[in-house]
Amino acid sequence: MTRTVHRWATPLGRWVADYGAGRLAHDVGLAVHGTPLAPVCIYQWLAGTHEPRPAHARQIVRLSRGAVSFSDVYSVRAAVAAKMVATDRPGRAIPATRDPGHVGKP
């Protein structure tokens, strides 16, 4: 599976790329709930389809030791949306450089 580059180009995405999505899901989940989160949660945050709850965001900022701010965590959705024009199915966005008239076609 290839990464959608702009999702990882945000401050949060760059930090998660270094820290590891699986490791972050484990560490945030244990600290907040006592059980790990599913890594898909992290990918949904980076895709801009969901936002972390405030308790999760606090843990991200704490684990990053200030490398990521609350603003960085909650600006992902807007940053990803700025790069997209449409979706052809849930969770899959089409880059703005692609003609939306070709939705669902290669």
PDB file of N, CA and C in Angstrom:
ATOM      1  N   MET A   1       0.850  -1.167   0.000  1.00  0.00           N
ATOM      2  CA  MET A   1       0.000   0.000   0.000  1.00  0.00           C
ATOM      3  C   MET A   1       0.899   1.235   0.000  1.00  0.00           C
ATOM      4  N   THR A   2       0.568   2.228  -0.829  1.00  0.00           N
ATOM      5  CA  THR A   2       1.359   3.442  -0.882  1.00  0.00           C
ATOM      6  C   THR A   2       0.689   4.530  -0.059  1.00  0.00           C
ATOM      7  N   ARG A   3       1.514   5.428   0.464  1.00  0.00           N
ATOM      8  CA  ARG A   3       0.983   6.534   1.243  1.00  0.00           C
ATOM      9  C   ARG A   3       0.500   7.643   0.321  1.00  0.00           C
ATOM     10  N   THR A   4      -0.565   8.313   0.727  1.00  0.00           N
ATOM     11  CA  THR A   4      -1.001   9.513   0.041  1.00  0.00           C
ATOM     12  C   THR A   4      -0.146  10.632   0.614  1.00  0.00           C
ATOM     13  N   VAL A   5       0.741  11.155  -0.188  1.00  0.00           N
ATOM     14  CA  VAL A   5       1.814  12.022   0.289  1.00  0.00           C
ATOM     15  C   VAL A   5       1.337  13.200   1.117  1.00  0.00           C
ATOM     16  N   HIS A   6       0.316  13.935   0.650  1.00  0.00           N
ATOM     17  CA  HIS A   6      -0.080  15.145   1.366  1.00  0.00           C
ATOM     18  C   HIS A   6      -0.625  14.848   2.765  1.00  0.00           C
ATOM     19  N   ARG A   7      -1.140  13.665   2.994  1.00  0.00           N
ATOM     20  CA  ARG A   7      -1.632  13.325   4.335  1.00  0.00           C
ATOM     21  C   ARG A   7      -0.480  13.242   5.324  1.00  0.00           C
ATOM     22  N   TRP A   8       0.660  12.840   4.843  1.00  0.00           N
ATOM     23  CA  TRP A   8       1.835  12.693   5.706  1.00  0.00           C
ATOM     24  C   TRP A   8       2.675  13.961   5.722  1.00  0.00           C
ATOM     25  N   ALA A   9       2.295  14.977   4.954  1.00  0.00           N
ATOM     26  CA  ALA A   9       3.053  16.216   4.877  1.00  0.00           C
ATOM     27  C   ALA A   9       2.651  17.221   5.953  1.00  0.00           C
ATOM     28  N   THR A  10       1.608  16.931   6.703  1.00  0.00           N
ATOM     29  CA  THR A  10       1.204  17.815   7.797  1.00  0.00           C
ATOM     30  C   THR A  10       2.167  17.624   8.961  1.00  0.00           C
ATOM     31  N   PRO A  11       2.244  18.577   9.890  1.00  0.00           N
ATOM     32  CA  PRO A  11       3.120  18.390  11.056  1.00  0.00           C
ATOM     33  C   PRO A  11       2.795  17.095  11.813  1.00  0.00           C
ATOM     34  N   LEU A  12       1.506  16.796  11.984  1.00  0.00           N
ATOM     35  CA  LEU A  12       1.135  15.559  12.672  1.00  0.00           C
ATOM     36  C   LEU A  12       1.574  14.352  11.847  1.00  0.00           C
ATOM     37  N   GLY A  13       1.337  14.382  10.545  1.00  0.00           N
ATOM     38  CA  GLY A  13       1.710  13.266   9.680  1.00  0.00           C
ATOM     39  C   GLY A  13       3.204  12.987   9.691  1.00  0.00           C
ATOM     40  N   ARG A  14       4.009  14.045   9.650  1.00  0.00           N
ATOM     41  CA  ARG A  14       5.464  13.858   9.688  1.00  0.00           C
ATOM     42  C   ARG A  14       5.889  13.244  11.013  1.00  0.00           C
ATOM     43  N   TRP A  15       5.289  13.715  12.104  1.00  0.00           N
ATOM     44  CA  TRP A  15       5.659  13.175  13.413  1.00  0.00           C
ATOM     45  C   TRP A  15       5.219  11.713  13.530  1.00  0.00           C
ATOM     46  N   VAL A  16       4.011  11.403  13.085  1.00  0.00           N
ATOM     47  CA  VAL A  16       3.524  10.010  13.144  1.00  0.00           C
ATOM     48  C   VAL A  16       4.403   9.111  12.277  1.00  0.00           C
ATOM     49  N   ALA A  17       4.854   9.610  11.128  1.00  0.00           N
ATOM     50  CA  ALA A  17       5.729   8.814  10.258  1.00  0.00           C
ATOM     51  C   ALA A  17       7.013   8.426  11.003  1.00  0.00           C
ATOM     52  N   ASP A  18       7.522   9.335  11.810  1.00  0.00           N
ATOM     53  CA  ASP A  18       8.733   9.042  12.593  1.00  0.00           C
ATOM     54  C   ASP A  18       8.438   8.156  13.802  1.00  0.00           C
ATOM     55  N   TYR A  19       7.336   8.428  14.476  1.00  0.00           N
ATOM     56  CA  TYR A  19       6.994   7.716  15.719  1.00  0.00           C
ATOM     57  C   TYR A  19       6.447   6.324  15.428  1.00  0.00           C
ATOM     58  N   GLY A  20       5.634   6.225  14.384  1.00  0.00           N
ATOM     59  CA  GLY A  20       4.995   4.959  14.024  1.00  0.00           C
ATOM     60  C   GLY A  20       3.521   4.965  14.390  1.00  0.00           C
ATOM     61  N   ALA A  21       2.673   4.689  13.423  1.00  0.00           N
ATOM     62  CA  ALA A  21       1.224   4.698  13.650  1.00  0.00           C
ATOM     63  C   ALA A  21       0.809   3.604  14.632  1.00  0.00           C
ATOM     64  N   GLY A  22       1.376   2.421  14.490  1.00  0.00           N
ATOM     65  CA  GLY A  22       1.036   1.329  15.405  1.00  0.00           C
ATOM     66  C   GLY A  22       1.458   1.633  16.830  1.00  0.00           C
ATOM     67  N   ARG A  23       2.654   2.168  16.963  1.00  0.00           N
ATOM     68  CA  ARG A  23       3.168   2.528  18.289  1.00  0.00           C
ATOM     69  C   ARG A  23       2.315   3.632  18.915  1.00  0.00           C
ATOM     70  N   LEU A  24       1.934   4.637  18.095  1.00  0.00           N
ATOM     71  CA  LEU A  24       1.094   5.716  18.608  1.00  0.00           C
ATOM     72  C   LEU A  24      -0.264   5.189  19.048  1.00  0.00           C
ATOM     73  N   ALA A  25      -0.871   4.327  18.253  1.00  0.00           N
ATOM     74  CA  ALA A  25      -2.171   3.750  18.617  1.00  0.00           C
ATOM     75  C   ALA A  25      -2.062   3.010  19.947  1.00  0.00           C
ATOM     76  N   HIS A  26      -1.001   2.274  20.119  1.00  0.00           N
ATOM     77  CA  HIS A  26      -0.772   1.530  21.361  1.00  0.00           C
ATOM     78  C   HIS A  26      -0.600   2.487  22.541  1.00  0.00           C
ATOM     79  N   ASP A  27       0.304   3.453  22.393  1.00  0.00           N
ATOM     80  CA  ASP A  27       0.629   4.352  23.503  1.00  0.00           C
ATOM     81  C   ASP A  27      -0.519   5.277  23.889  1.00  0.00           C
ATOM     82  N   VAL A  28      -1.211   5.825  22.903  1.00  0.00           N
ATOM     83  CA  VAL A  28      -2.337   6.721  23.190  1.00  0.00           C
ATOM     84  C   VAL A  28      -3.485   5.932  23.816  1.00  0.00           C
ATOM     85  N   GLY A  29      -3.786   4.785  23.246  1.00  0.00           N
ATOM     86  CA  GLY A  29      -4.876   3.971  23.778  1.00  0.00           C
ATOM     87  C   GLY A  29      -4.643   3.532  25.206  1.00  0.00           C
ATOM     88  N   LEU A  30      -3.433   3.058  25.499  1.00  0.00           N
ATOM     89  CA  LEU A  30      -3.140   2.624  26.873  1.00  0.00           C
ATOM     90  C   LEU A  30      -3.255   3.776  27.856  1.00  0.00           C
ATOM     91  N   ALA A  31      -2.738   4.934  27.493  1.00  0.00           N
ATOM     92  CA  ALA A  31      -2.757   6.078  28.404  1.00  0.00           C
ATOM     93  C   ALA A  31      -4.173   6.582  28.663  1.00  0.00           C
ATOM     94  N   VAL A  32      -5.018   6.552  27.638  1.00  0.00           N
ATOM     95  CA  VAL A  32      -6.360   7.112  27.772  1.00  0.00           C
ATOM     96  C   VAL A  32      -7.384   6.076  28.221  1.00  0.00           C
ATOM     97  N   HIS A  33      -7.330   4.867  27.653  1.00  0.00           N
ATOM     98  CA  HIS A  33      -8.366   3.858  27.893  1.00  0.00           C
ATOM     99  C   HIS A  33      -7.887   2.625  28.637  1.00  0.00           C
ATOM    100  N   GLY A  34      -6.579   2.447  28.726  1.00  0.00           N
ATOM    101  CA  GLY A  34      -6.052   1.242  29.335  1.00  0.00           C
ATOM    102  C   GLY A  34      -5.975   0.079  28.363  1.00  0.00           C
ATOM    103  N   THR A  35      -6.300   0.331  27.117  1.00  0.00           N
ATOM    104  CA  THR A  35      -6.209  -0.683  26.062  1.00  0.00           C
ATOM    105  C   THR A  35      -5.828   0.026  24.765  1.00  0.00           C
ATOM    106  N   PRO A  36      -5.029  -0.596  23.912  1.00  0.00           N
ATOM    107  CA  PRO A  36      -4.582   0.084  22.689  1.00  0.00           C
ATOM    108  C   PRO A  36      -5.732   0.436  21.747  1.00  0.00           C
ATOM    109  N   LEU A  37      -5.537   1.508  21.000  1.00  0.00           N
ATOM    110  CA  LEU A  37      -6.454   1.853  19.916  1.00  0.00           C
ATOM    111  C   LEU A  37      -6.096   0.988  18.710  1.00  0.00           C
ATOM    112  N   ALA A  38      -7.013   0.853  17.797  1.00  0.00           N
ATOM    113  CA  ALA A  38      -6.705   0.186  16.531  1.00  0.00           C
ATOM    114  C   ALA A  38      -5.902   1.172  15.684  1.00  0.00           C
ATOM    115  N   PRO A  39      -4.832   0.725  15.029  1.00  0.00           N
ATOM    116  CA  PRO A  39      -4.044   1.634  14.189  1.00  0.00           C
ATOM    117  C   PRO A  39      -4.870   2.361  13.134  1.00  0.00           C
ATOM    118  N   VAL A  40      -5.985   1.777  12.716  1.00  0.00           N
ATOM    119  CA  VAL A  40      -6.830   2.442  11.725  1.00  0.00           C
ATOM    120  C   VAL A  40      -7.296   3.809  12.233  1.00  0.00           C
ATOM    121  N   CYS A  41      -7.426   3.968  13.528  1.00  0.00           N
ATOM    122  CA  CYS A  41      -7.813   5.274  14.090  1.00  0.00           C
ATOM    123  C   CYS A  41      -6.806   6.346  13.695  1.00  0.00           C
ATOM    124  N   ILE A  42      -5.533   6.013  13.804  1.00  0.00           N
ATOM    125  CA  ILE A  42      -4.481   6.972  13.474  1.00  0.00           C
ATOM    126  C   ILE A  42      -4.561   7.325  11.985  1.00  0.00           C
ATOM    127  N   TYR A  43      -4.744   6.309  11.145  1.00  0.00           N
ATOM    128  CA  TYR A  43      -4.833   6.556   9.703  1.00  0.00           C
ATOM    129  C   TYR A  43      -6.059   7.393   9.356  1.00  0.00           C
ATOM    130  N   GLN A  44      -7.157   7.214  10.076  1.00  0.00           N
ATOM    131  CA  GLN A  44      -8.352   8.032   9.847  1.00  0.00           C
ATOM    132  C   GLN A  44      -8.087   9.486  10.240  1.00  0.00           C
ATOM    133  N   TRP A  45      -7.343   9.681  11.324  1.00  0.00           N
ATOM    134  CA  TRP A  45      -6.989  11.050  11.719  1.00  0.00           C
ATOM    135  C   TRP A  45      -6.138  11.697  10.627  1.00  0.00           C
ATOM    136  N   LEU A  46      -5.158  10.960  10.114  1.00  0.00           N
ATOM    137  CA  LEU A  46      -4.268  11.508   9.085  1.00  0.00           C
ATOM    138  C   LEU A  46      -4.986  11.722   7.759  1.00  0.00           C
ATOM    139  N   ALA A  47      -6.005  10.921   7.492  1.00  0.00           N
ATOM    140  CA  ALA A  47      -6.787  11.077   6.260  1.00  0.00           C
ATOM    141  C   ALA A  47      -7.777  12.228   6.369  1.00  0.00           C
ATOM    142  N   GLY A  48      -8.004  12.722   7.571  1.00  0.00           N
ATOM    143  CA  GLY A  48      -8.945  13.810   7.774  1.00  0.00           C
ATOM    144  C   GLY A  48     -10.390  13.371   7.824  1.00  0.00           C
ATOM    145  N   THR A  49     -10.632  12.060   7.917  1.00  0.00           N
ATOM    146  CA  THR A  49     -12.016  11.581   7.979  1.00  0.00           C
ATOM    147  C   THR A  49     -12.561  11.609   9.399  1.00  0.00           C
ATOM    148  N   HIS A  50     -11.680  11.617  10.384  1.00  0.00           N
ATOM    149  CA  HIS A  50     -12.048  11.704  11.795  1.00  0.00           C
ATOM    150  C   HIS A  50     -11.036  12.592  12.499  1.00  0.00           C
ATOM    151  N   GLU A  51     -11.404  13.096  13.660  1.00  0.00           N
ATOM    152  CA  GLU A  51     -10.476  13.854  14.492  1.00  0.00           C
ATOM    153  C   GLU A  51     -10.360  13.153  15.837  1.00  0.00           C
ATOM    154  N   PRO A  52      -9.179  13.220  16.441  1.00  0.00           N
ATOM    155  CA  PRO A  52      -9.024  12.579  17.748  1.00  0.00           C
ATOM    156  C   PRO A  52      -9.814  13.312  18.826  1.00  0.00           C
ATOM    157  N   ARG A  53     -10.244  12.569  19.805  1.00  0.00           N
ATOM    158  CA  ARG A  53     -10.899  13.182  20.961  1.00  0.00           C
ATOM    159  C   ARG A  53      -9.865  14.016  21.707  1.00  0.00           C
ATOM    160  N   PRO A  54     -10.313  15.004  22.491  1.00  0.00           N
ATOM    161  CA  PRO A  54      -9.365  15.859  23.211  1.00  0.00           C
ATOM    162  C   PRO A  54      -8.364  15.075  24.080  1.00  0.00           C
ATOM    163  N   ALA A  55      -8.820  14.012  24.718  1.00  0.00           N
ATOM    164  CA  ALA A  55      -7.895  13.220  25.547  1.00  0.00           C
ATOM    165  C   ALA A  55      -6.807  12.581  24.690  1.00  0.00           C
ATOM    166  N   HIS A  56      -7.168  12.143  23.489  1.00  0.00           N
ATOM    167  CA  HIS A  56      -6.182  11.563  22.577  1.00  0.00           C
ATOM    168  C   HIS A  56      -5.216  12.636  22.093  1.00  0.00           C
ATOM    169  N   ALA A  57      -5.757  13.814  21.760  1.00  0.00           N
ATOM    170  CA  ALA A  57      -4.911  14.917  21.302  1.00  0.00           C
ATOM    171  C   ALA A  57      -3.910  15.314  22.384  1.00  0.00           C
ATOM    172  N   ARG A  58      -4.360  15.359  23.642  1.00  0.00           N
ATOM    173  CA  ARG A  58      -3.439  15.686  24.754  1.00  0.00           C
ATOM    174  C   ARG A  58      -2.298  14.680  24.816  1.00  0.00           C
ATOM    175  N   GLN A  59      -2.616  13.404  24.639  1.00  0.00           N
ATOM    176  CA  GLN A  59      -1.579  12.367  24.675  1.00  0.00           C
ATOM    177  C   GLN A  59      -0.607  12.505  23.504  1.00  0.00           C
ATOM    178  N   ILE A  60      -1.120  12.844  22.343  1.00  0.00           N
ATOM    179  CA  ILE A  60      -0.251  13.038  21.176  1.00  0.00           C
ATOM    180  C   ILE A  60       0.732  14.174  21.450  1.00  0.00           C
ATOM    181  N   VAL A  61       0.225  15.292  21.945  1.00  0.00           N
ATOM    182  CA  VAL A  61       1.089  16.439  22.258  1.00  0.00           C
ATOM    183  C   VAL A  61       2.113  16.044  23.319  1.00  0.00           C
ATOM    184  N   ARG A  62       1.673  15.312  24.331  1.00  0.00           N
ATOM    185  CA  ARG A  62       2.585  14.884  25.396  1.00  0.00           C
ATOM    186  C   ARG A  62       3.647  13.932  24.849  1.00  0.00           C
ATOM    187  N   LEU A  63       3.228  12.940  24.077  1.00  0.00           N
ATOM    188  CA  LEU A  63       4.182  11.969  23.529  1.00  0.00           C
ATOM    189  C   LEU A  63       5.166  12.613  22.552  1.00  0.00           C
ATOM    190  N   SER A  64       4.729  13.651  21.856  1.00  0.00           N
ATOM    191  CA  SER A  64       5.604  14.315  20.891  1.00  0.00           C
ATOM    192  C   SER A  64       6.592  15.264  21.570  1.00  0.00           C
ATOM    193  N   ARG A  65       6.387  15.470  22.866  1.00  0.00           N
ATOM    194  CA  ARG A  65       7.243  16.391  23.637  1.00  0.00           C
ATOM    195  C   ARG A  65       7.272  17.782  23.014  1.00  0.00           C
ATOM    196  N   GLY A  66       6.105  18.210  22.556  1.00  0.00           N
ATOM    197  CA  GLY A  66       5.960  19.550  22.000  1.00  0.00           C
ATOM    198  C   GLY A  66       6.240  19.666  20.513  1.00  0.00           C
ATOM    199  N   ALA A  67       6.643  18.592  19.852  1.00  0.00           N
ATOM    200  CA  ALA A  67       6.900  18.640  18.412  1.00  0.00           C
ATOM    201  C   ALA A  67       5.602  18.838  17.636  1.00  0.00           C
ATOM    202  N   VAL A  68       4.488  18.427  18.234  1.00  0.00           N
ATOM    203  CA  VAL A  68       3.158  18.582  17.642  1.00  0.00           C
ATOM    204  C   VAL A  68       2.307  19.344  18.645  1.00  0.00           C
ATOM    205  N   SER A  69       1.571  20.338  18.165  1.00  0.00           N
ATOM    206  CA  SER A  69       0.692  21.128  19.027  1.00  0.00           C
ATOM    207  C   SER A  69      -0.765  20.703  18.825  1.00  0.00           C
ATOM    208  N   PHE A  70      -1.642  21.209  19.692  1.00  0.00           N
ATOM    209  CA  PHE A  70      -3.074  20.942  19.509  1.00  0.00           C
ATOM    210  C   PHE A  70      -3.530  21.471  18.146  1.00  0.00           C
ATOM    211  N   SER A  71      -3.023  22.620  17.777  1.00  0.00           N
ATOM    212  CA  SER A  71      -3.369  23.198  16.483  1.00  0.00           C
ATOM    213  C   SER A  71      -2.951  22.272  15.345  1.00  0.00           C
ATOM    214  N   ASP A  72      -1.766  21.669  15.448  1.00  0.00           N
ATOM    215  CA  ASP A  72      -1.308  20.722  14.427  1.00  0.00           C
ATOM    216  C   ASP A  72      -2.241  19.518  14.339  1.00  0.00           C
ATOM    217  N   VAL A  73      -2.663  19.022  15.494  1.00  0.00           N
ATOM    218  CA  VAL A  73      -3.531  17.847  15.532  1.00  0.00           C
ATOM    219  C   VAL A  73      -4.877  18.148  14.874  1.00  0.00           C
ATOM    220  N   TYR A  74      -5.440  19.297  15.186  1.00  0.00           N
ATOM    221  CA  TYR A  74      -6.778  19.608  14.696  1.00  0.00           C
ATOM    222  C   TYR A  74      -6.803  20.343  13.359  1.00  0.00           C
ATOM    223  N   SER A  75      -5.652  20.626  12.769  1.00  0.00           N
ATOM    224  CA  SER A  75      -5.634  21.276  11.457  1.00  0.00           C
ATOM    225  C   SER A  75      -5.491  20.271  10.315  1.00  0.00           C
ATOM    226  N   VAL A  76      -5.357  18.994  10.635  1.00  0.00           N
ATOM    227  CA  VAL A  76      -5.170  17.972   9.602  1.00  0.00           C
ATOM    228  C   VAL A  76      -6.359  17.917   8.660  1.00  0.00           C
ATOM    229  N   ARG A  77      -7.555  17.920   9.192  1.00  0.00           N
ATOM    230  CA  ARG A  77      -8.754  17.801   8.348  1.00  0.00           C
ATOM    231  C   ARG A  77      -8.805  18.917   7.304  1.00  0.00           C
ATOM    232  N   ALA A  78      -8.527  20.145   7.723  1.00  0.00           N
ATOM    233  CA  ALA A  78      -8.544  21.274   6.788  1.00  0.00           C
ATOM    234  C   ALA A  78      -7.412  21.163   5.768  1.00  0.00           C
ATOM    235  N   ALA A  79      -6.249  20.727   6.217  1.00  0.00           N
ATOM    236  CA  ALA A  79      -5.108  20.586   5.302  1.00  0.00           C
ATOM    237  C   ALA A  79      -5.380  19.519   4.248  1.00  0.00           C
ATOM    238  N   VAL A  80      -5.958  18.412   4.660  1.00  0.00           N
ATOM    239  CA  VAL A  80      -6.275  17.343   3.714  1.00  0.00           C
ATOM    240  C   VAL A  80      -7.385  17.799   2.772  1.00  0.00           C
ATOM    241  N   ALA A  81      -8.398  18.461   3.299  1.00  0.00           N
ATOM    242  CA  ALA A  81      -9.511  18.926   2.473  1.00  0.00           C
ATOM    243  C   ALA A  81      -9.037  19.927   1.418  1.00  0.00           C
ATOM    244  N   ALA A  82      -8.040  20.714   1.739  1.00  0.00           N
ATOM    245  CA  ALA A  82      -7.519  21.695   0.783  1.00  0.00           C
ATOM    246  C   ALA A  82      -6.871  21.021  -0.422  1.00  0.00           C
ATOM    247  N   LYS A  83      -6.463  19.777  -0.270  1.00  0.00           N
ATOM    248  CA  LYS A  83      -5.805  19.040  -1.353  1.00  0.00           C
ATOM    249  C   LYS A  83      -6.766  18.147  -2.133  1.00  0.00           C
ATOM    250  N   MET A  84      -8.037  18.090  -1.742  1.00  0.00           N
ATOM    251  CA  MET A  84      -8.997  17.162  -2.345  1.00  0.00           C
ATOM    252  C   MET A  84     -10.113  17.907  -3.067  1.00  0.00           C
ATOM    253  N   VAL A  85     -10.704  17.238  -4.047  1.00  0.00           N
ATOM    254  CA  VAL A  85     -11.860  17.806  -4.738  1.00  0.00           C
ATOM    255  C   VAL A  85     -13.099  16.946  -4.610  1.00  0.00           C
ATOM    256  N   ALA A  86     -12.938  15.642  -4.424  1.00  0.00           N
ATOM    257  CA  ALA A  86     -14.101  14.755  -4.338  1.00  0.00           C
ATOM    258  C   ALA A  86     -13.658  13.411  -3.787  1.00  0.00           C
ATOM    259  N   THR A  87     -14.628  12.605  -3.419  1.00  0.00           N
ATOM    260  CA  THR A  87     -14.319  11.233  -3.036  1.00  0.00           C
ATOM    261  C   THR A  87     -15.161  10.308  -3.891  1.00  0.00           C
ATOM    262  N   ASP A  88     -14.558   9.212  -4.322  1.00  0.00           N
ATOM    263  CA  ASP A  88     -15.327   8.265  -5.116  1.00  0.00           C
ATOM    264  C   ASP A  88     -15.862   7.133  -4.260  1.00  0.00           C
ATOM    265  N   ARG A  89     -15.362   6.995  -3.054  1.00  0.00           N
ATOM    266  CA  ARG A  89     -15.924   6.061  -2.072  1.00  0.00           C
ATOM    267  C   ARG A  89     -15.430   6.483  -0.699  1.00  0.00           C
ATOM    268  N   PRO A  90     -16.133   6.116   0.347  1.00  0.00           N
ATOM    269  CA  PRO A  90     -15.765   6.561   1.687  1.00  0.00           C
ATOM    270  C   PRO A  90     -14.312   6.228   2.011  1.00  0.00           C
ATOM    271  N   GLY A  91     -13.619   7.232   2.553  1.00  0.00           N
ATOM    272  CA  GLY A  91     -12.245   7.033   2.976  1.00  0.00           C
ATOM    273  C   GLY A  91     -11.224   7.116   1.864  1.00  0.00           C
ATOM    274  N   ARG A  92     -11.677   7.361   0.626  1.00  0.00           N
ATOM    275  CA  ARG A  92     -10.723   7.454  -0.482  1.00  0.00           C
ATOM    276  C   ARG A  92     -10.946   8.766  -1.207  1.00  0.00           C
ATOM    277  N   ALA A  93      -9.970   9.614  -1.162  1.00  0.00           N
ATOM    278  CA  ALA A  93     -10.093  10.919  -1.787  1.00  0.00           C
ATOM    279  C   ALA A  93      -9.372  10.941  -3.128  1.00  0.00           C
ATOM    280  N   ILE A  94      -9.820  11.828  -3.987  1.00  0.00           N
ATOM    281  CA  ILE A  94      -9.206  11.992  -5.295  1.00  0.00           C
ATOM    282  C   ILE A  94      -8.371  13.260  -5.245  1.00  0.00           C
ATOM    283  N   PRO A  95      -7.095  13.203  -5.593  1.00  0.00           N
ATOM    284  CA  PRO A  95      -6.266  14.417  -5.575  1.00  0.00           C
ATOM    285  C   PRO A  95      -6.839  15.495  -6.486  1.00  0.00           C
ATOM    286  N   ALA A  96      -6.604  16.738  -6.119  1.00  0.00           N
ATOM    287  CA  ALA A  96      -7.141  17.863  -6.874  1.00  0.00           C
ATOM    288  C   ALA A  96      -6.620  17.899  -8.297  1.00  0.00           C
ATOM    289  N   THR A  97      -5.515  17.257  -8.579  1.00  0.00           N
ATOM    290  CA  THR A  97      -4.957  17.254  -9.923  1.00  0.00           C
ATOM    291  C   THR A  97      -5.692  16.295 -10.852  1.00  0.00           C
ATOM    292  N   ARG A  98      -6.551  15.467 -10.308  1.00  0.00           N
ATOM    293  CA  ARG A  98      -7.292  14.496 -11.116  1.00  0.00           C
ATOM    294  C   ARG A  98      -8.649  15.069 -11.486  1.00  0.00           C
ATOM    295  N   ASP A  99      -9.078  14.838 -12.691  1.00  0.00           N
ATOM    296  CA  ASP A  99     -10.352  15.338 -13.183  1.00  0.00           C
ATOM    297  C   ASP A  99     -11.487  14.626 -12.462  1.00  0.00           C
ATOM    298  N   PRO A 100     -12.346  15.394 -11.712  1.00  0.00           N
ATOM    299  CA  PRO A 100     -13.439  14.733 -10.980  1.00  0.00           C
ATOM    300  C   PRO A 100     -14.430  14.025 -11.883  1.00  0.00           C
ATOM    301  N   GLY A 101     -14.412  14.310 -13.175  1.00  0.00           N
ATOM    302  CA  GLY A 101     -15.302  13.634 -14.111  1.00  0.00           C
ATOM    303  C   GLY A 101     -14.914  12.182 -14.321  1.00  0.00           C
ATOM    304  N   HIS A 102     -13.737  11.819 -13.865  1.00  0.00           N
ATOM    305  CA  HIS A 102     -13.254  10.447 -14.027  1.00  0.00           C
ATOM    306  C   HIS A 102     -13.348   9.667 -12.726  1.00  0.00           C
ATOM    307  N   VAL A 103     -14.257  10.054 -11.854  1.00  0.00           N
ATOM    308  CA  VAL A 103     -14.421   9.382 -10.573  1.00  0.00           C
ATOM    309  C   VAL A 103     -14.684   7.898 -10.795  1.00  0.00           C
ATOM    310  N   GLY A 104     -13.897   7.067 -10.114  1.00  0.00           N
ATOM    311  CA  GLY A 104     -14.084   5.631 -10.196  1.00  0.00           C
ATOM    312  C   GLY A 104     -13.420   4.992 -11.393  1.00  0.00           C
ATOM    313  N   LYS A 105     -12.825   5.797 -12.263  1.00  0.00           N
ATOM    314  CA  LYS A 105     -12.134   5.264 -13.440  1.00  0.00           C
ATOM    315  C   LYS A 105     -10.639   5.488 -13.275  1.00  0.00           C
ATOM    316  N   PRO A 106      -9.804   4.585 -13.788  1.00  0.00           N
ATOM    317  CA  PRO A 106      -8.351   4.782 -13.672  1.00  0.00           C
ATOM    318  C   PRO A 106      -7.853   5.932 -14.496  1.00  0.00           C
TER     319      PRO A 106
END
